[in-house]
Amino acid sequence: MWGFLFMGRRVDLIMKNTILLFLFIIQIGCVNNESETDKLNKKNPVGSYGQTLSEGETYNVGELLSSTEKNIGKNVLITGLITEVCPMRGCWIEIIDDSSKEKIRIKVADGEIIFPLSAKGKTVTAEGEFAKLELSAKQAKDWKHHLALEKGIVLDTAKIALTKEDFYEYRIYSNSAKIF
C-alpha cells in the first residue's frame, strides 16, 4: 500500500518538473524576439537581411535604369549607397550610385525584413524583381502624400503638382539584402 502512494507522488513530481521545464524553454524562446521597433532602431545595420543573396552580375543604379526594358520582371542584383530608409516600418530603402546619382527604391514585404534607420549612408547589395510601378494621378498624389506623412509632413493632395516622373517608379521588390 505504501509503495503505491510513493509511486503516485513520484509521478506527480516528474510531471510537475516536466511542465516547469517546458514553460521555462518557452519563456527563453520568447525573450530573445526583437520587436519591429527594436529592429528599426538597431544601432549597427551591418549584416544580411532575408534570404541569402545569389551569385551573378551586380548592377549599379545607373546601369539598371539605362536598361529598364531589358530587365523589367527579371531578378537582379543591385548595389548602391542607402540615402533613405522608411521611417515608419523600415520596409523600403532608396539607393543611389556615385556615378549617375540616379535613385531607385528597394521595397520589401512589411515586417519580413526591417531595414534599420541607421542604414542610411551604408552600402547595400540587394536582390529582387525589377519592376515599373505605374500610377494614376490620384495614386501619384496619394503616394506623395504618404511619403510626406512618413516624414511628419502634412500635404493637401489637392495642392500637389505632378510631373511626368510622378506617374511611375522603378523599384526592386526584394527578399534579400546585405548591408556593409
N, C-alpha and C. Protein backbone atom coordinates (compact mmCIF):
# COMPACT_ATOMS: atom_id res chain seq x y z
N MET A 1 0.81 -1.19 0.00
CA MET A 1 0.00 0.00 0.00
C MET A 1 0.85 1.26 0.00
N TRP A 2 1.88 1.28 0.84
CA TRP A 2 2.72 2.48 0.89
C TRP A 2 3.50 2.67 -0.40
N GLY A 3 3.89 1.62 -1.05
CA GLY A 3 4.59 1.72 -2.34
C GLY A 3 3.74 2.40 -3.38
N PHE A 4 2.45 2.13 -3.37
CA PHE A 4 1.53 2.76 -4.31
C PHE A 4 1.47 4.28 -4.09
N LEU A 5 1.44 4.71 -2.82
CA LEU A 5 1.40 6.16 -2.51
C LEU A 5 2.68 6.85 -2.96
N PHE A 6 3.81 6.21 -2.69
CA PHE A 6 5.07 6.81 -3.09
C PHE A 6 5.19 6.91 -4.61
N MET A 7 4.70 5.90 -5.31
CA MET A 7 4.72 5.88 -6.77
C MET A 7 3.89 7.04 -7.31
N GLY A 8 2.71 7.31 -6.74
CA GLY A 8 1.85 8.41 -7.18
C GLY A 8 2.50 9.75 -6.97
N ARG A 9 3.15 9.91 -5.82
CA ARG A 9 3.84 11.19 -5.55
C ARG A 9 5.01 11.38 -6.50
N ARG A 10 5.68 10.30 -6.79
CA ARG A 10 6.83 10.38 -7.70
C ARG A 10 6.37 10.76 -9.11
N VAL A 11 5.28 10.19 -9.59
CA VAL A 11 4.73 10.53 -10.90
C VAL A 11 4.30 11.98 -10.92
N ASP A 12 3.65 12.44 -9.84
CA ASP A 12 3.24 13.85 -9.76
C ASP A 12 4.45 14.77 -9.83
N LEU A 13 5.50 14.43 -9.12
CA LEU A 13 6.71 15.24 -9.10
C LEU A 13 7.36 15.29 -10.49
N ILE A 14 7.44 14.17 -11.17
CA ILE A 14 8.02 14.11 -12.51
C ILE A 14 7.19 14.96 -13.48
N MET A 15 5.87 14.85 -13.38
CA MET A 15 5.01 15.65 -14.27
C MET A 15 5.15 17.14 -13.99
N LYS A 16 5.20 17.52 -12.73
CA LYS A 16 5.37 18.93 -12.37
C LYS A 16 6.70 19.46 -12.91
N ASN A 17 7.77 18.70 -12.72
CA ASN A 17 9.09 19.13 -13.21
C ASN A 17 9.11 19.23 -14.74
N THR A 18 8.46 18.30 -15.41
CA THR A 18 8.40 18.32 -16.88
C THR A 18 7.65 19.56 -17.35
N ILE A 19 6.55 19.88 -16.72
CA ILE A 19 5.77 21.07 -17.10
C ILE A 19 6.58 22.34 -16.85
N LEU A 20 7.25 22.42 -15.71
CA LEU A 20 8.07 23.60 -15.41
C LEU A 20 9.21 23.76 -16.42
N LEU A 21 9.85 22.66 -16.79
CA LEU A 21 10.92 22.71 -17.78
C LEU A 21 10.38 23.18 -19.13
N PHE A 22 9.23 22.67 -19.53
CA PHE A 22 8.60 23.07 -20.79
C PHE A 22 8.28 24.57 -20.78
N LEU A 23 7.71 25.08 -19.71
CA LEU A 23 7.39 26.51 -19.60
C LEU A 23 8.65 27.37 -19.62
N PHE A 24 9.72 26.89 -18.98
CA PHE A 24 10.98 27.61 -18.96
C PHE A 24 11.56 27.72 -20.37
N ILE A 25 11.52 26.64 -21.13
CA ILE A 25 12.03 26.64 -22.51
C ILE A 25 11.22 27.61 -23.37
N ILE A 26 9.91 27.62 -23.22
CA ILE A 26 9.07 28.55 -23.98
C ILE A 26 9.42 29.99 -23.63
N GLN A 27 9.62 30.27 -22.36
CA GLN A 27 9.95 31.64 -21.94
C GLN A 27 11.27 32.09 -22.52
N ILE A 28 12.27 31.24 -22.52
CA ILE A 28 13.58 31.60 -23.08
C ILE A 28 13.44 31.91 -24.57
N GLY A 29 12.67 31.12 -25.29
CA GLY A 29 12.46 31.36 -26.72
C GLY A 29 11.78 32.68 -26.99
N CYS A 30 10.88 33.09 -26.13
CA CYS A 30 10.14 34.33 -26.34
C CYS A 30 10.93 35.56 -25.95
N VAL A 31 11.86 35.43 -25.02
CA VAL A 31 12.62 36.57 -24.52
C VAL A 31 13.53 37.15 -25.61
N ASN A 32 14.05 36.32 -26.50
CA ASN A 32 15.03 36.77 -27.47
C ASN A 32 14.41 37.39 -28.73
N ASN A 33 13.11 37.45 -28.84
CA ASN A 33 12.47 38.03 -30.03
C ASN A 33 12.55 39.54 -29.99
N GLU A 34 13.18 40.12 -31.02
CA GLU A 34 13.26 41.57 -31.14
C GLU A 34 11.95 42.09 -31.71
N SER A 35 11.49 43.20 -31.21
CA SER A 35 10.29 43.81 -31.76
C SER A 35 10.64 44.54 -33.06
N GLU A 36 9.62 44.89 -33.83
CA GLU A 36 9.83 45.64 -35.07
C GLU A 36 10.50 46.98 -34.76
N THR A 37 10.11 47.61 -33.66
CA THR A 37 10.71 48.89 -33.25
C THR A 37 12.18 48.71 -32.92
N ASP A 38 12.52 47.61 -32.22
CA ASP A 38 13.93 47.34 -31.90
C ASP A 38 14.75 47.18 -33.18
N LYS A 39 14.20 46.44 -34.14
CA LYS A 39 14.91 46.23 -35.41
C LYS A 39 15.05 47.54 -36.19
N LEU A 40 14.02 48.37 -36.19
CA LEU A 40 14.06 49.65 -36.89
C LEU A 40 15.12 50.57 -36.28
N ASN A 41 15.30 50.49 -34.97
CA ASN A 41 16.24 51.37 -34.27
C ASN A 41 17.57 50.71 -33.94
N LYS A 42 17.86 49.62 -34.60
CA LYS A 42 19.12 48.89 -34.41
C LYS A 42 20.30 49.83 -34.68
N LYS A 43 21.26 49.85 -33.79
CA LYS A 43 22.39 50.78 -33.92
C LYS A 43 23.36 50.41 -35.05
N ASN A 44 23.65 49.12 -35.19
CA ASN A 44 24.60 48.68 -36.22
C ASN A 44 23.83 47.89 -37.29
N PRO A 45 23.65 48.47 -38.48
CA PRO A 45 22.86 47.82 -39.51
C PRO A 45 23.61 46.79 -40.34
N VAL A 46 24.92 46.69 -40.16
CA VAL A 46 25.73 45.80 -40.99
C VAL A 46 25.27 44.36 -40.81
N GLY A 47 25.04 43.68 -41.94
CA GLY A 47 24.65 42.28 -41.89
C GLY A 47 23.73 41.90 -43.02
N SER A 48 23.25 40.66 -42.97
CA SER A 48 22.37 40.12 -44.00
C SER A 48 20.92 40.21 -43.56
N TYR A 49 20.04 40.45 -44.53
CA TYR A 49 18.61 40.58 -44.28
C TYR A 49 17.86 39.67 -45.26
N GLY A 50 16.96 38.86 -44.74
CA GLY A 50 16.18 37.98 -45.59
C GLY A 50 16.98 36.78 -46.04
N GLN A 51 16.72 36.37 -47.28
CA GLN A 51 17.35 35.17 -47.83
C GLN A 51 18.80 35.47 -48.23
N THR A 52 19.53 34.42 -48.54
CA THR A 52 20.91 34.56 -48.99
C THR A 52 20.95 35.12 -50.40
N LEU A 53 21.84 36.07 -50.65
CA LEU A 53 21.99 36.65 -51.99
C LEU A 53 22.53 35.61 -52.96
N SER A 54 22.06 35.67 -54.20
CA SER A 54 22.56 34.80 -55.26
C SER A 54 23.87 35.34 -55.80
N GLU A 55 24.55 34.51 -56.54
CA GLU A 55 25.76 34.94 -57.26
C GLU A 55 25.32 35.46 -58.62
N GLY A 56 26.04 36.39 -59.18
CA GLY A 56 25.72 36.85 -60.52
C GLY A 56 26.13 38.29 -60.74
N GLU A 57 25.79 38.80 -61.91
CA GLU A 57 26.11 40.17 -62.28
C GLU A 57 25.37 41.14 -61.37
N THR A 58 26.11 42.10 -60.84
CA THR A 58 25.53 43.11 -59.97
C THR A 58 25.54 44.45 -60.69
N TYR A 59 24.37 45.07 -60.74
CA TYR A 59 24.23 46.38 -61.39
C TYR A 59 24.39 47.49 -60.37
N ASN A 60 24.82 48.67 -60.86
CA ASN A 60 24.63 49.86 -60.06
C ASN A 60 23.34 50.50 -60.56
N VAL A 61 22.84 51.50 -59.88
CA VAL A 61 21.53 52.07 -60.20
C VAL A 61 21.49 52.60 -61.63
N GLY A 62 22.51 53.36 -62.03
CA GLY A 62 22.54 53.94 -63.37
C GLY A 62 22.51 52.88 -64.46
N GLU A 63 23.28 51.81 -64.28
CA GLU A 63 23.30 50.72 -65.27
C GLU A 63 21.91 50.08 -65.41
N LEU A 64 21.27 49.83 -64.29
CA LEU A 64 19.97 49.19 -64.33
C LEU A 64 18.92 50.10 -64.96
N LEU A 65 18.93 51.37 -64.59
CA LEU A 65 17.94 52.30 -65.14
C LEU A 65 18.19 52.65 -66.60
N SER A 66 19.39 52.39 -67.10
CA SER A 66 19.65 52.62 -68.53
C SER A 66 19.25 51.42 -69.38
N SER A 67 18.87 50.33 -68.73
CA SER A 67 18.44 49.13 -69.48
C SER A 67 17.13 48.59 -68.89
N THR A 68 16.18 49.49 -68.67
CA THR A 68 14.93 49.11 -67.99
C THR A 68 14.15 48.06 -68.76
N GLU A 69 13.94 48.26 -70.06
CA GLU A 69 13.09 47.34 -70.83
C GLU A 69 13.66 45.92 -70.84
N LYS A 70 14.97 45.82 -70.86
CA LYS A 70 15.63 44.51 -70.89
C LYS A 70 15.47 43.76 -69.55
N ASN A 71 15.33 44.52 -68.46
CA ASN A 71 15.36 43.90 -67.14
C ASN A 71 14.03 43.87 -66.38
N ILE A 72 13.00 44.52 -66.89
CA ILE A 72 11.69 44.51 -66.20
C ILE A 72 11.23 43.06 -66.02
N GLY A 73 10.82 42.75 -64.79
CA GLY A 73 10.33 41.41 -64.49
C GLY A 73 11.42 40.40 -64.17
N LYS A 74 12.66 40.78 -64.31
CA LYS A 74 13.77 39.86 -64.03
C LYS A 74 14.28 40.03 -62.61
N ASN A 75 14.86 38.96 -62.10
CA ASN A 75 15.52 39.00 -60.80
C ASN A 75 16.91 39.61 -61.01
N VAL A 76 17.23 40.67 -60.27
CA VAL A 76 18.51 41.36 -60.44
C VAL A 76 19.20 41.56 -59.09
N LEU A 77 20.50 41.72 -59.17
CA LEU A 77 21.31 42.14 -58.03
C LEU A 77 21.69 43.59 -58.27
N ILE A 78 21.58 44.42 -57.24
CA ILE A 78 21.91 45.83 -57.38
C ILE A 78 22.67 46.28 -56.15
N THR A 79 23.58 47.22 -56.35
CA THR A 79 24.34 47.76 -55.22
C THR A 79 24.32 49.28 -55.28
N GLY A 80 24.39 49.90 -54.13
CA GLY A 80 24.40 51.34 -54.05
C GLY A 80 24.48 51.83 -52.62
N LEU A 81 24.46 53.14 -52.50
CA LEU A 81 24.54 53.80 -51.21
C LEU A 81 23.13 54.12 -50.73
N ILE A 82 22.80 53.75 -49.51
CA ILE A 82 21.48 53.99 -48.96
C ILE A 82 21.35 55.48 -48.59
N THR A 83 20.35 56.14 -49.20
CA THR A 83 20.13 57.57 -48.92
C THR A 83 18.91 57.81 -48.05
N GLU A 84 17.95 56.87 -48.08
CA GLU A 84 16.75 57.00 -47.26
C GLU A 84 16.31 55.63 -46.79
N VAL A 85 15.67 55.60 -45.62
CA VAL A 85 15.07 54.39 -45.06
C VAL A 85 13.65 54.76 -44.65
N CYS A 86 12.70 53.88 -44.92
CA CYS A 86 11.33 54.12 -44.48
C CYS A 86 11.33 54.36 -42.98
N PRO A 87 10.91 55.57 -42.55
CA PRO A 87 10.98 55.88 -41.12
C PRO A 87 9.88 55.22 -40.28
N MET A 88 8.87 54.67 -40.94
CA MET A 88 7.75 54.08 -40.20
C MET A 88 7.99 52.60 -39.86
N ARG A 89 8.39 51.81 -40.88
CA ARG A 89 8.50 50.36 -40.68
C ARG A 89 9.78 49.76 -41.24
N GLY A 90 10.65 50.57 -41.84
CA GLY A 90 11.88 50.02 -42.43
C GLY A 90 11.61 49.12 -43.61
N CYS A 91 10.48 49.35 -44.30
CA CYS A 91 10.04 48.44 -45.37
C CYS A 91 10.58 48.82 -46.74
N TRP A 92 11.33 49.89 -46.86
CA TRP A 92 11.97 50.24 -48.11
C TRP A 92 13.22 51.06 -47.82
N ILE A 93 14.12 51.02 -48.78
CA ILE A 93 15.29 51.90 -48.76
C ILE A 93 15.41 52.51 -50.15
N GLU A 94 16.00 53.68 -50.22
CA GLU A 94 16.30 54.30 -51.51
C GLU A 94 17.81 54.33 -51.63
N ILE A 95 18.31 53.94 -52.81
CA ILE A 95 19.76 53.91 -53.01
C ILE A 95 20.15 54.70 -54.25
N ILE A 96 21.39 55.16 -54.25
CA ILE A 96 21.98 55.85 -55.40
C ILE A 96 23.33 55.20 -55.69
N ASP A 97 23.87 55.54 -56.85
CA ASP A 97 25.26 55.15 -57.10
C ASP A 97 26.07 56.43 -57.32
N ASP A 98 27.36 56.33 -57.14
CA ASP A 98 28.22 57.50 -57.22
C ASP A 98 28.30 58.10 -58.61
N SER A 99 28.24 57.25 -59.64
CA SER A 99 28.49 57.76 -60.99
C SER A 99 27.28 58.47 -61.59
N SER A 100 26.08 57.95 -61.42
CA SER A 100 24.94 58.55 -62.11
C SER A 100 24.09 59.44 -61.22
N LYS A 101 24.14 59.24 -59.93
CA LYS A 101 23.30 59.95 -58.95
C LYS A 101 21.82 59.63 -59.13
N GLU A 102 21.50 58.59 -59.92
CA GLU A 102 20.10 58.16 -60.07
C GLU A 102 19.71 57.35 -58.85
N LYS A 103 18.40 57.33 -58.55
CA LYS A 103 17.90 56.64 -57.36
C LYS A 103 16.93 55.54 -57.74
N ILE A 104 16.84 54.55 -56.86
CA ILE A 104 15.82 53.52 -57.00
C ILE A 104 15.40 53.08 -55.60
N ARG A 105 14.14 52.72 -55.49
CA ARG A 105 13.61 52.24 -54.21
C ARG A 105 13.66 50.72 -54.19
N ILE A 106 14.09 50.18 -53.06
CA ILE A 106 14.09 48.75 -52.83
C ILE A 106 13.01 48.49 -51.79
N LYS A 107 11.98 47.76 -52.18
CA LYS A 107 10.82 47.51 -51.32
C LYS A 107 10.83 46.06 -50.86
N VAL A 108 10.55 45.86 -49.57
CA VAL A 108 10.44 44.52 -49.01
C VAL A 108 9.06 44.35 -48.38
N ALA A 109 8.66 43.12 -48.16
CA ALA A 109 7.37 42.85 -47.53
C ALA A 109 7.39 43.40 -46.11
N ASP A 110 6.35 44.14 -45.75
CA ASP A 110 6.25 44.73 -44.41
C ASP A 110 6.42 43.67 -43.34
N GLY A 111 7.35 43.92 -42.43
CA GLY A 111 7.55 43.03 -41.29
C GLY A 111 8.46 41.84 -41.55
N GLU A 112 8.66 41.47 -42.81
CA GLU A 112 9.55 40.33 -43.10
C GLU A 112 11.01 40.74 -43.02
N ILE A 113 11.33 41.88 -43.61
CA ILE A 113 12.66 42.47 -43.50
C ILE A 113 12.42 43.88 -42.98
N ILE A 114 13.22 44.27 -42.01
CA ILE A 114 13.12 45.63 -41.46
C ILE A 114 14.50 46.26 -41.57
N PHE A 115 14.61 47.25 -42.45
CA PHE A 115 15.89 47.95 -42.58
C PHE A 115 16.00 48.97 -41.45
N PRO A 116 17.10 48.95 -40.69
CA PRO A 116 17.27 49.91 -39.61
C PRO A 116 17.49 51.33 -40.14
N LEU A 117 17.02 52.29 -39.38
CA LEU A 117 17.22 53.69 -39.76
C LEU A 117 18.70 54.03 -39.84
N SER A 118 19.52 53.34 -39.06
CA SER A 118 20.96 53.57 -39.05
C SER A 118 21.65 53.10 -40.33
N ALA A 119 20.90 52.47 -41.25
CA ALA A 119 21.49 52.00 -42.51
C ALA A 119 21.78 53.15 -43.48
N LYS A 120 21.18 54.30 -43.24
CA LYS A 120 21.40 55.46 -44.10
C LYS A 120 22.90 55.79 -44.13
N GLY A 121 23.44 55.91 -45.36
CA GLY A 121 24.86 56.19 -45.53
C GLY A 121 25.71 54.94 -45.71
N LYS A 122 25.11 53.76 -45.56
CA LYS A 122 25.83 52.50 -45.74
C LYS A 122 25.62 51.98 -47.16
N THR A 123 26.49 51.07 -47.58
CA THR A 123 26.38 50.43 -48.88
C THR A 123 25.56 49.15 -48.74
N VAL A 124 24.73 48.89 -49.75
CA VAL A 124 23.89 47.70 -49.73
C VAL A 124 23.97 47.00 -51.08
N THR A 125 23.89 45.69 -51.04
CA THR A 125 23.63 44.88 -52.22
C THR A 125 22.31 44.18 -51.95
N ALA A 126 21.38 44.29 -52.89
CA ALA A 126 20.06 43.69 -52.72
C ALA A 126 19.71 42.89 -53.96
N GLU A 127 18.79 41.96 -53.77
CA GLU A 127 18.34 41.11 -54.87
C GLU A 127 16.82 41.09 -54.89
N GLY A 128 16.27 41.14 -56.10
CA GLY A 128 14.82 41.04 -56.21
C GLY A 128 14.35 41.30 -57.62
N GLU A 129 13.03 41.33 -57.77
CA GLU A 129 12.42 41.55 -59.08
C GLU A 129 12.39 43.04 -59.41
N PHE A 130 12.93 43.36 -60.58
CA PHE A 130 12.92 44.74 -61.07
C PHE A 130 11.57 45.01 -61.70
N ALA A 131 10.91 46.10 -61.28
CA ALA A 131 9.55 46.39 -61.74
C ALA A 131 9.37 47.88 -61.98
N LYS A 132 8.36 48.17 -62.80
CA LYS A 132 7.94 49.54 -63.03
C LYS A 132 6.53 49.67 -62.46
N LEU A 133 6.40 50.52 -61.47
CA LEU A 133 5.11 50.78 -60.84
C LEU A 133 4.51 51.99 -61.54
N GLU A 134 3.37 51.80 -62.19
CA GLU A 134 2.70 52.89 -62.90
C GLU A 134 1.52 53.37 -62.07
N LEU A 135 1.38 54.69 -61.97
CA LEU A 135 0.38 55.30 -61.09
C LEU A 135 -0.57 56.21 -61.85
N SER A 136 -1.82 56.24 -61.42
CA SER A 136 -2.78 57.23 -61.93
C SER A 136 -2.48 58.56 -61.23
N ALA A 137 -3.14 59.62 -61.63
CA ALA A 137 -2.93 60.93 -60.99
C ALA A 137 -3.28 60.85 -59.50
N LYS A 138 -4.40 60.21 -59.18
CA LYS A 138 -4.81 60.08 -57.77
C LYS A 138 -3.78 59.26 -56.99
N GLN A 139 -3.34 58.14 -57.57
CA GLN A 139 -2.34 57.30 -56.89
C GLN A 139 -1.03 58.05 -56.69
N ALA A 140 -0.62 58.82 -57.70
CA ALA A 140 0.62 59.58 -57.59
C ALA A 140 0.53 60.63 -56.47
N LYS A 141 -0.59 61.30 -56.39
CA LYS A 141 -0.77 62.29 -55.32
C LYS A 141 -0.84 61.61 -53.96
N ASP A 142 -1.55 60.50 -53.88
CA ASP A 142 -1.63 59.77 -52.62
C ASP A 142 -0.26 59.25 -52.19
N TRP A 143 0.55 58.81 -53.16
CA TRP A 143 1.89 58.31 -52.86
C TRP A 143 2.77 59.43 -52.32
N LYS A 144 2.72 60.59 -52.97
CA LYS A 144 3.50 61.74 -52.49
C LYS A 144 3.04 62.14 -51.08
N HIS A 145 1.72 62.10 -50.87
CA HIS A 145 1.16 62.42 -49.56
C HIS A 145 1.66 61.42 -48.51
N HIS A 146 1.64 60.15 -48.85
CA HIS A 146 2.10 59.09 -47.95
C HIS A 146 3.59 59.28 -47.58
N LEU A 147 4.41 59.52 -48.58
CA LEU A 147 5.84 59.71 -48.33
C LEU A 147 6.09 60.92 -47.42
N ALA A 148 5.32 61.98 -47.62
CA ALA A 148 5.45 63.17 -46.78
C ALA A 148 5.03 62.85 -45.33
N LEU A 149 3.92 62.11 -45.18
CA LEU A 149 3.45 61.75 -43.84
C LEU A 149 4.49 60.91 -43.09
N GLU A 150 5.19 60.04 -43.81
CA GLU A 150 6.24 59.24 -43.18
C GLU A 150 7.33 60.12 -42.57
N LYS A 151 7.49 61.32 -43.12
CA LYS A 151 8.49 62.26 -42.62
C LYS A 151 7.87 63.30 -41.67
N GLY A 152 6.58 63.12 -41.37
CA GLY A 152 5.92 64.05 -40.46
C GLY A 152 5.42 65.31 -41.11
N ILE A 153 5.33 65.32 -42.44
CA ILE A 153 4.87 66.50 -43.18
C ILE A 153 3.46 66.23 -43.69
N VAL A 154 2.56 67.17 -43.46
CA VAL A 154 1.18 67.02 -43.92
C VAL A 154 1.01 67.84 -45.20
N LEU A 155 0.57 67.17 -46.26
CA LEU A 155 0.33 67.84 -47.55
C LEU A 155 -1.15 67.74 -47.90
N ASP A 156 -1.65 68.76 -48.55
CA ASP A 156 -3.00 68.74 -49.10
C ASP A 156 -2.89 68.15 -50.50
N THR A 157 -3.49 66.97 -50.73
CA THR A 157 -3.36 66.31 -52.03
C THR A 157 -3.91 67.16 -53.16
N ALA A 158 -4.86 68.05 -52.88
CA ALA A 158 -5.43 68.92 -53.92
C ALA A 158 -4.39 69.93 -54.43
N LYS A 159 -3.41 70.21 -53.62
CA LYS A 159 -2.40 71.21 -53.98
C LYS A 159 -1.09 70.60 -54.49
N ILE A 160 -1.03 69.28 -54.58
CA ILE A 160 0.19 68.63 -55.06
C ILE A 160 0.27 68.73 -56.57
N ALA A 161 1.36 69.31 -57.06
CA ALA A 161 1.60 69.40 -58.51
C ALA A 161 2.40 68.18 -58.93
N LEU A 162 2.01 67.57 -60.03
CA LEU A 162 2.67 66.36 -60.51
C LEU A 162 3.49 66.65 -61.76
N THR A 163 4.63 65.93 -61.86
CA THR A 163 5.42 65.96 -63.08
C THR A 163 5.25 64.60 -63.76
N LYS A 164 5.76 64.46 -64.97
CA LYS A 164 5.59 63.17 -65.67
C LYS A 164 6.31 62.04 -64.93
N GLU A 165 7.37 62.35 -64.20
CA GLU A 165 8.09 61.32 -63.45
C GLU A 165 7.29 60.81 -62.24
N ASP A 166 6.28 61.55 -61.80
CA ASP A 166 5.46 61.14 -60.66
C ASP A 166 4.49 60.01 -61.00
N PHE A 167 4.32 59.72 -62.29
CA PHE A 167 3.35 58.71 -62.70
C PHE A 167 3.94 57.30 -62.78
N TYR A 168 5.21 57.16 -62.46
CA TYR A 168 5.83 55.84 -62.43
C TYR A 168 7.01 55.84 -61.48
N GLU A 169 7.37 54.65 -61.05
CA GLU A 169 8.55 54.49 -60.21
C GLU A 169 9.15 53.13 -60.51
N TYR A 170 10.43 53.12 -60.79
CA TYR A 170 11.15 51.86 -60.92
C TYR A 170 11.55 51.44 -59.51
N ARG A 171 11.41 50.15 -59.25
CA ARG A 171 11.78 49.65 -57.93
C ARG A 171 12.20 48.19 -58.01
N ILE A 172 12.79 47.74 -56.94
CA ILE A 172 13.16 46.35 -56.78
C ILE A 172 12.30 45.79 -55.65
N TYR A 173 11.57 44.73 -55.93
CA TYR A 173 10.82 44.01 -54.88
C TYR A 173 11.76 42.94 -54.36
N SER A 174 12.35 43.20 -53.21
CA SER A 174 13.45 42.40 -52.72
C SER A 174 13.05 41.43 -51.61
N ASN A 175 13.80 40.33 -51.55
CA ASN A 175 13.65 39.38 -50.45
C ASN A 175 14.99 39.09 -49.80
N SER A 176 16.04 39.81 -50.23
CA SER A 176 17.36 39.61 -49.62
C SER A 176 18.23 40.84 -49.84
N ALA A 177 19.04 41.12 -48.84
CA ALA A 177 19.94 42.26 -48.92
C ALA A 177 21.10 42.04 -47.94
N LYS A 178 22.20 42.70 -48.25
CA LYS A 178 23.36 42.68 -47.34
C LYS A 178 23.88 44.10 -47.23
N ILE A 179 23.96 44.60 -46.01
CA ILE A 179 24.45 45.96 -45.76
C ILE A 179 25.89 45.86 -45.25
N PHE A 180 26.76 46.70 -45.84
CA PHE A 180 28.20 46.70 -45.49
C PHE A 180 28.54 47.94 -44.70
